[in-house]
Protein backbone atom coordinates (compact mmCIF):
# COMPACT_ATOMS: atom_id res chain seq x y z
CA MET A 1 130.60 26.47 58.78
CA ALA A 2 131.74 25.18 55.41
CA GLU A 3 128.62 26.63 53.79
CA ALA A 4 129.22 30.06 55.37
CA ARG A 5 132.86 30.00 54.25
CA ARG A 6 131.81 29.28 50.64
CA ILE A 7 129.42 32.25 50.73
CA ARG A 8 132.15 34.57 52.05
CA ILE A 9 134.54 33.41 49.32
CA THR A 10 131.84 33.97 46.71
CA ALA A 11 131.22 37.48 48.06
CA ARG A 12 134.88 38.36 47.57
CA MET A 13 134.70 37.02 44.02
CA TYR A 14 131.96 39.57 43.28
CA GLU A 15 133.64 42.63 44.73
CA ASN A 16 134.92 43.59 41.29
CA ALA A 17 131.89 42.40 39.33
CA ALA A 18 130.95 45.04 36.77
CA SER A 19 128.28 43.33 34.69
CA MET A 20 125.46 40.82 34.75
CA ARG A 21 127.41 38.68 32.28
CA GLY A 22 130.27 38.33 34.74
CA ALA A 23 127.89 37.38 37.54
CA TYR A 24 126.24 34.67 35.48
CA ALA A 25 129.62 33.29 34.42
CA VAL A 26 130.72 32.78 38.02
CA LEU A 27 127.35 31.31 38.98
CA LEU A 28 127.74 28.79 36.16
CA VAL A 29 131.08 27.73 37.61
CA LEU A 30 129.46 27.28 41.01
CA ALA A 31 126.68 25.20 39.49
CA MET A 32 129.21 22.96 37.74
CA ARG A 33 130.88 22.45 41.12
CA ARG A 34 127.45 21.32 42.41
CA GLU A 35 127.17 24.01 45.04
CA THR A 36 123.99 23.86 47.10
CA LEU A 37 120.92 25.93 46.18
CA PRO A 38 121.26 28.30 49.20
CA THR A 39 124.82 29.10 48.14
CA LEU A 40 123.70 29.86 44.57
CA ILE A 41 120.86 32.11 45.76
CA ALA A 42 123.13 34.01 48.15
CA SER A 43 125.74 34.37 45.40
CA LEU A 44 123.21 35.76 42.94
CA THR A 45 122.06 38.39 45.45
CA LEU A 46 125.64 39.46 46.18
CA ALA A 47 126.50 39.61 42.48
CA PHE A 48 123.60 41.91 41.64
CA ALA A 49 124.42 44.21 44.56
CA ALA A 50 128.10 44.44 43.64
CA SER A 51 127.51 45.07 39.94
CA SER A 52 124.94 47.79 40.70
CA LEU A 53 127.35 49.65 42.97
CA VAL A 54 130.16 49.51 40.42
CA ALA A 55 127.87 50.78 37.66
CA CYS A 56 126.58 53.75 39.67
CA ALA A 57 129.67 54.95 41.53
CA GLY A 58 130.90 58.43 40.69
CA SER A 59 134.53 59.47 40.33
CA ASP A 60 134.60 60.45 44.01
CA GLY A 61 132.97 57.20 45.13
CA THR A 62 129.52 58.77 45.55
CA VAL A 63 126.66 56.62 44.30
CA LEU A 64 124.84 58.53 41.59
CA ASP A 65 121.20 58.27 40.66
CA GLU A 66 121.63 58.21 36.88
CA GLY A 67 120.26 54.66 36.75
CA GLU A 68 117.03 55.57 38.48
CA ASP A 69 113.77 55.11 36.65
CA VAL A 70 112.65 58.70 36.14
CA GLU A 71 110.06 60.26 33.90
CA GLU A 72 111.92 62.60 31.58
CA VAL A 73 110.41 65.86 30.40
CA SER A 74 109.21 66.24 26.82
CA ASP A 75 111.08 68.86 24.78
CA SER A 76 107.74 70.56 24.14
CA VAL A 77 107.32 71.26 27.87
CA ASP A 78 108.98 74.09 29.78
CA ALA A 79 109.40 72.46 33.18
CA LEU A 80 111.34 75.44 34.52
CA SER A 81 108.76 78.13 33.88
CA SER A 82 107.97 80.08 37.07
CA ARG A 83 109.06 77.21 39.30
CA SER A 84 111.16 76.91 42.41
CA PHE A 85 113.00 73.76 43.48
CA ALA A 86 113.73 73.55 47.19
CA ASN A 87 116.26 71.41 49.07
CA VAL A 88 118.03 70.14 45.95
CA THR A 89 121.60 68.91 45.53
CA VAL A 90 124.08 70.58 43.18
CA LEU A 91 127.18 68.63 42.10
CA TYR A 92 130.32 70.20 40.68
CA GLN A 93 130.45 69.41 36.96
CA GLY A 94 134.02 70.46 36.30
CA ASP A 95 136.05 73.00 34.34
CA TRP A 96 137.28 73.00 30.73
CA SER A 97 140.35 70.90 31.48
CA PHE A 98 138.35 68.24 33.31
CA LEU A 99 135.47 68.06 30.83
CA THR A 100 137.66 67.86 27.72
CA ARG A 101 139.64 65.00 29.26
CA CYS A 102 136.98 63.08 31.14
CA ASP A 103 133.51 63.81 29.75
CA LYS A 104 132.57 61.39 26.97
CA TRP A 105 130.61 64.07 25.10
CA SER A 106 133.35 66.69 25.35
CA LYS A 107 136.54 65.03 24.18
CA GLY A 108 138.80 67.76 22.82
CA ARG A 109 136.28 70.60 23.30
CA VAL A 110 133.32 71.12 25.59
CA ARG A 111 129.87 70.33 24.25
CA PHE A 112 126.78 71.15 26.27
CA ALA A 113 123.28 69.92 25.44
CA CYS A 114 122.22 73.52 24.82
CA ASP A 115 125.49 74.82 23.34
CA GLU A 116 127.93 72.67 21.41
CA SER A 117 130.65 75.32 21.23
CA PRO A 118 130.91 77.35 24.45
CA THR A 119 134.08 79.37 24.97
CA ARG A 120 136.68 78.22 27.45
CA GLU A 121 136.23 81.50 29.31
CA PHE A 122 132.50 80.80 29.79
CA VAL A 123 133.08 77.20 30.88
CA ASP A 124 135.79 78.12 33.39
CA GLU A 125 134.46 81.44 34.67
CA GLY A 126 130.77 81.64 33.79
CA ALA A 127 127.84 80.82 36.07
CA TRP A 128 126.00 77.90 34.49
CA VAL A 129 124.07 74.83 35.57
CA ALA A 130 122.93 71.48 34.23
CA ALA A 131 119.29 70.65 34.96
CA PRO A 132 118.43 67.08 36.05
CA ARG A 133 116.59 64.70 33.76
CA ASN A 134 113.32 65.20 35.64
CA VAL A 135 113.45 68.93 34.83
CA TYR A 136 115.49 69.42 31.64
CA SER A 137 113.93 69.93 28.23
CA ARG A 138 115.11 71.84 25.17
CA LYS A 139 112.88 74.71 26.29
CA SER A 140 115.00 74.97 29.45
CA CYS A 141 118.04 75.97 27.40
CA GLY A 142 119.21 79.51 28.01
CA LYS A 143 116.86 80.06 30.95
CA MET A 144 118.25 81.93 33.94
CA VAL A 145 117.85 80.54 37.44
CA LYS A 146 118.73 81.86 40.88
CA VAL A 147 120.77 79.34 42.87
CA CYS A 148 120.81 79.86 46.64
CA LYS A 149 122.27 78.11 49.65
CA GLY A 150 121.17 80.07 52.68
CA SER A 151 121.95 83.72 51.98
CA ALA A 152 124.57 82.91 49.33
CA CYS A 153 123.05 83.26 45.86
CA ILE A 154 124.08 83.49 42.22
CA GLU A 155 122.21 83.75 38.93
CA ALA A 156 123.18 81.05 36.45
CA LYS A 157 122.30 80.00 32.93
CA VAL A 158 120.89 76.56 32.07
CA VAL A 159 123.19 75.12 29.41
CA GLU A 160 123.24 71.40 30.04
CA ARG A 161 121.32 68.24 30.87
CA SER A 162 122.61 66.48 33.98
CA VAL A 163 123.59 62.82 33.80
CA THR A 164 121.66 62.31 37.05
CA ALA A 165 117.93 61.82 37.47
CA ALA A 166 117.27 64.43 40.14
CA LYS A 167 120.50 66.29 40.97
CA TRP A 168 121.61 69.56 39.44
CA GLU A 169 125.21 70.25 38.39
CA GLY A 170 127.06 73.54 38.44
CA SER A 171 130.15 75.38 37.24
CA SER A 172 133.12 76.58 39.26
CA ALA A 173 131.50 80.02 39.61
CA VAL A 174 128.32 78.49 41.03
CA MET A 175 130.18 76.37 43.58
CA GLU A 176 132.34 79.32 44.63
CA ALA A 177 129.30 81.54 45.11
CA LEU A 178 127.66 78.90 47.32
CA GLY A 179 130.85 78.55 49.38
CA ILE A 180 131.45 74.92 48.38
CA ASP A 181 134.94 73.44 48.16
CA HIS A 182 135.33 71.77 44.76
CA GLY A 183 137.93 70.37 42.41
CA ALA A 184 138.55 67.94 39.59
CA PRO A 185 142.29 67.28 39.22
CA SER A 186 141.86 63.98 37.37
CA CYS A 187 139.21 61.77 35.81
CA ASN A 188 139.30 59.54 38.87
CA ARG A 189 139.20 62.30 41.47
CA SER A 190 136.64 65.08 41.70
CA TRP A 191 134.57 66.59 44.48
CA GLY A 192 132.10 69.34 45.28
CA THR A 193 128.53 68.82 46.55
CA ALA A 194 126.10 71.49 47.71
CA THR A 195 123.03 70.29 49.58
CA GLY A 196 119.97 72.15 50.80
CA VAL A 197 120.00 74.40 47.73
CA THR A 198 117.01 76.32 46.35
CA ILE A 199 116.82 76.96 42.60
CA THR A 200 114.27 79.42 41.28
CA ALA A 201 113.49 80.15 37.64
CA LEU A 202 113.77 83.85 36.74
């Protein structure tokens, strides 16, 4: 019982763990207290799990896949050419206000991977998408794609590289066309996810 209680206490200690360094520091304390080997092993497992979740959680609490090991596309390859991507997920990327406040690459003004100076009108009202890392290359920039969820479709321009490995991201116009509720009132609160989407290069 005492052993189980120590493990539960250790688990609570790791709920806010955000790095490997923090996990090792607490494990060192446990070792100095001469905790048993099973306790140390259980603690290490819990620490790694907690730190991974903190590192990958999105602003709406959704676990993102940006840490996944994915083979990125060479800039010399056009991975979009004449292709169709079925049953993909499209996340809401945000509007001008959200991106200039919360996106680390767009502080003050929006910067896309394909366009470092888009107009506010285009960002807020235009139909654009960010291609995932397993699709994006410089040759994807400016390509037009057809984004469909069921019978709801919209043509959008590829202007950005998604922070995720396999999910697409879209503008307000894209989410509205797909009938998806979306919003980003603050850096800590945003939502908008379309699943079962088909994206076809035009």
